[in-house]
Amino acid sequence: PALFALLGGAKRWLVRRPNASFAWQSLEAPRESLSGASLPDGWEPHVWQCTQREGELLWVPDQQHHATLNYAADTVGVTMVIDETEPFTPLHAAAQSGAAAAVARLLRDGAEGG
């Protein structure tokens, strides 16, 4: 898995849907045709898409094939690849389970919970 933080610019993400055919990898489209919100013909069943903007984080699960397209001339980001996800810290466990109140408390009081 990886966490992508976009520091400047804008980035379009195309992420292979789980259980989608790998046929989409053979689809080609000119860069200019990917600048709009819609996907080229035949791509919709195979990929999810989103646009990441400055200050946003994007999580890509392990083994999730993806492609990106930078929209701005200067697009800058930082990637954190997580090779081992066990054992989770209390902060990781709370974030993964969607426990927003616990995440807020751990960030406020310290990631160790004390």
Foldseek 3Di string as FASTA:
>chain_A
DKKKAWAAAKKKKKKFDPPADPVVVVDDDPPVVPPDPDDPPPCVVTTDMDMDHHGDMDDDDPPIDMDMDTPDPDIDMDMDDDPDCPPPQQLRVCVVVVVVVSNVQCVVVHSNND
